[in-house]
Protein backbone atom coordinates (compact mmCIF):
# COMPACT_ATOMS: atom_id res chain seq x y z
CA MET A 1 11.78 7.05 15.60
CA ASP A 2 12.79 10.64 16.34
CA HIS A 3 11.75 10.57 19.99
CA TYR A 4 12.84 7.06 21.06
CA ASP A 5 15.56 6.47 18.46
CA LYS A 6 13.98 3.11 17.61
CA PRO A 7 13.08 1.75 14.16
CA VAL A 8 9.53 2.33 12.95
CA VAL A 9 7.90 0.34 10.14
CA VAL A 10 4.55 1.39 8.65
CA GLN A 11 2.56 -1.61 7.46
CA GLU A 12 -0.81 -2.71 6.14
CA PHE A 13 -2.02 0.55 4.61
CA GLY A 14 -3.51 1.68 1.33
CA TRP A 15 -6.19 0.13 -0.84
CA TYR A 16 -7.80 0.78 -4.17
CA GLY A 17 -10.38 -2.00 -4.08
CA GLY A 18 -13.95 -0.88 -3.61
CA GLY A 19 -17.02 -2.67 -2.34
CA ALA A 20 -18.13 -3.15 1.25
CA SER A 21 -15.69 -2.69 4.11
CA ARG A 22 -15.60 -4.45 7.45
CA PHE A 23 -17.09 -1.22 8.81
CA LEU A 24 -20.28 -2.06 6.86
CA CYS A 25 -20.13 0.88 4.49
CA GLU A 26 -19.50 1.13 0.78
CA LEU A 27 -16.00 2.11 -0.25
CA PRO A 28 -15.31 3.95 -3.50
CA PHE A 29 -13.35 2.26 -6.27
CA ARG A 30 -9.87 3.64 -6.65
CA SER A 31 -7.68 3.09 -9.68
CA GLU A 32 -4.20 1.59 -9.54
CA LYS A 33 -2.82 5.07 -10.26
CA GLU A 34 -4.75 6.62 -7.36
CA HIS A 35 -3.50 3.82 -5.09
CA ALA A 36 0.10 4.40 -6.18
CA ASP A 37 -0.19 8.20 -5.89
CA TYR A 38 -1.68 7.91 -2.38
CA THR A 39 1.08 5.54 -1.28
CA ARG A 40 3.81 7.73 -2.77
CA LYS A 41 2.43 10.81 -1.01
CA LEU A 42 2.20 8.94 2.29
CA MET A 43 5.76 7.63 1.99
CA ASP A 44 7.17 11.04 1.04
CA ALA A 45 5.54 12.60 4.10
CA LEU A 46 6.62 9.87 6.52
CA ILE A 47 10.08 8.87 5.24
CA PRO A 48 11.93 11.31 7.50
CA HIS A 49 10.26 9.68 10.53
CA VAL A 50 10.12 5.95 9.71
CA ASN A 51 12.60 3.33 8.57
CA ASP A 52 10.53 1.26 6.17
CA PHE A 53 7.12 0.34 4.76
CA ILE A 54 5.47 -3.05 4.26
CA ASN A 55 2.58 -3.41 1.84
CA TRP A 56 -0.14 -5.95 2.54
CA PRO A 57 -0.66 -8.00 0.47
CA THR A 58 2.22 -8.62 -1.90
CA PHE A 59 -0.10 -10.17 -4.49
CA ASP A 60 -3.75 -9.35 -5.22
CA MET A 61 -6.16 -11.94 -3.87
CA PRO A 62 -9.27 -11.46 -6.06
CA LYS A 63 -11.41 -13.98 -4.16
CA ALA A 64 -10.87 -12.20 -0.84
CA ASN A 65 -13.75 -10.24 0.65
CA ASP A 66 -11.57 -7.57 2.19
CA ILE A 67 -8.95 -5.02 1.23
CA SER A 68 -6.51 -7.69 0.06
CA ASN A 69 -8.53 -8.41 -3.09
CA HIS A 70 -6.77 -5.67 -5.12
CA GLY A 71 -4.26 -4.12 -2.72
CA GLY A 72 -1.11 -5.95 -3.84
CA ILE A 73 2.07 -4.77 -5.49
CA PHE A 74 1.55 -7.51 -8.09
CA THR A 75 -1.60 -8.95 -9.68
CA HIS A 76 -2.56 -12.47 -8.68
CA GLU A 77 -0.86 -13.61 -11.92
CA GLY A 78 2.40 -11.97 -10.80
CA LYS A 79 2.35 -8.91 -13.11
CA ARG A 80 3.81 -5.70 -11.71
CA LYS A 81 1.29 -3.03 -10.86
CA GLU A 82 1.84 0.72 -10.71
CA LEU A 83 2.35 0.37 -6.96
CA ALA A 84 5.49 -1.72 -7.58
CA LYS A 85 7.21 1.35 -9.02
CA VAL A 86 6.48 3.28 -5.80
CA TYR A 87 8.30 0.64 -3.75
CA GLU A 88 11.13 0.54 -6.30
CA GLU A 89 11.54 4.32 -5.94
CA LEU A 90 11.45 4.00 -2.15
CA GLY A 91 14.21 1.39 -2.29
CA ALA A 92 16.40 3.76 -4.27
CA LYS A 93 15.80 6.55 -1.69
CA VAL A 94 16.68 4.52 1.36
């Protein structure tokens, strides 16, 4: 954004799931709080250089065999997770 003066959106990052990854290695379980803290830290560091962030997925998909199983802003039932507050705070900043 700084160099080309074009919008930059960071997307599809972060995960607190656990289990096997597509890289065929075990991934550690991370709590919702650790996921939210990681995302907040990432956003705080990047916000001067990017225009926006998109989380994938919006809702948890517990039957998925990849990072989308617990990576959402909301549970699969639609309940807000700790990560939702991070995006709410980001919205107030920008």
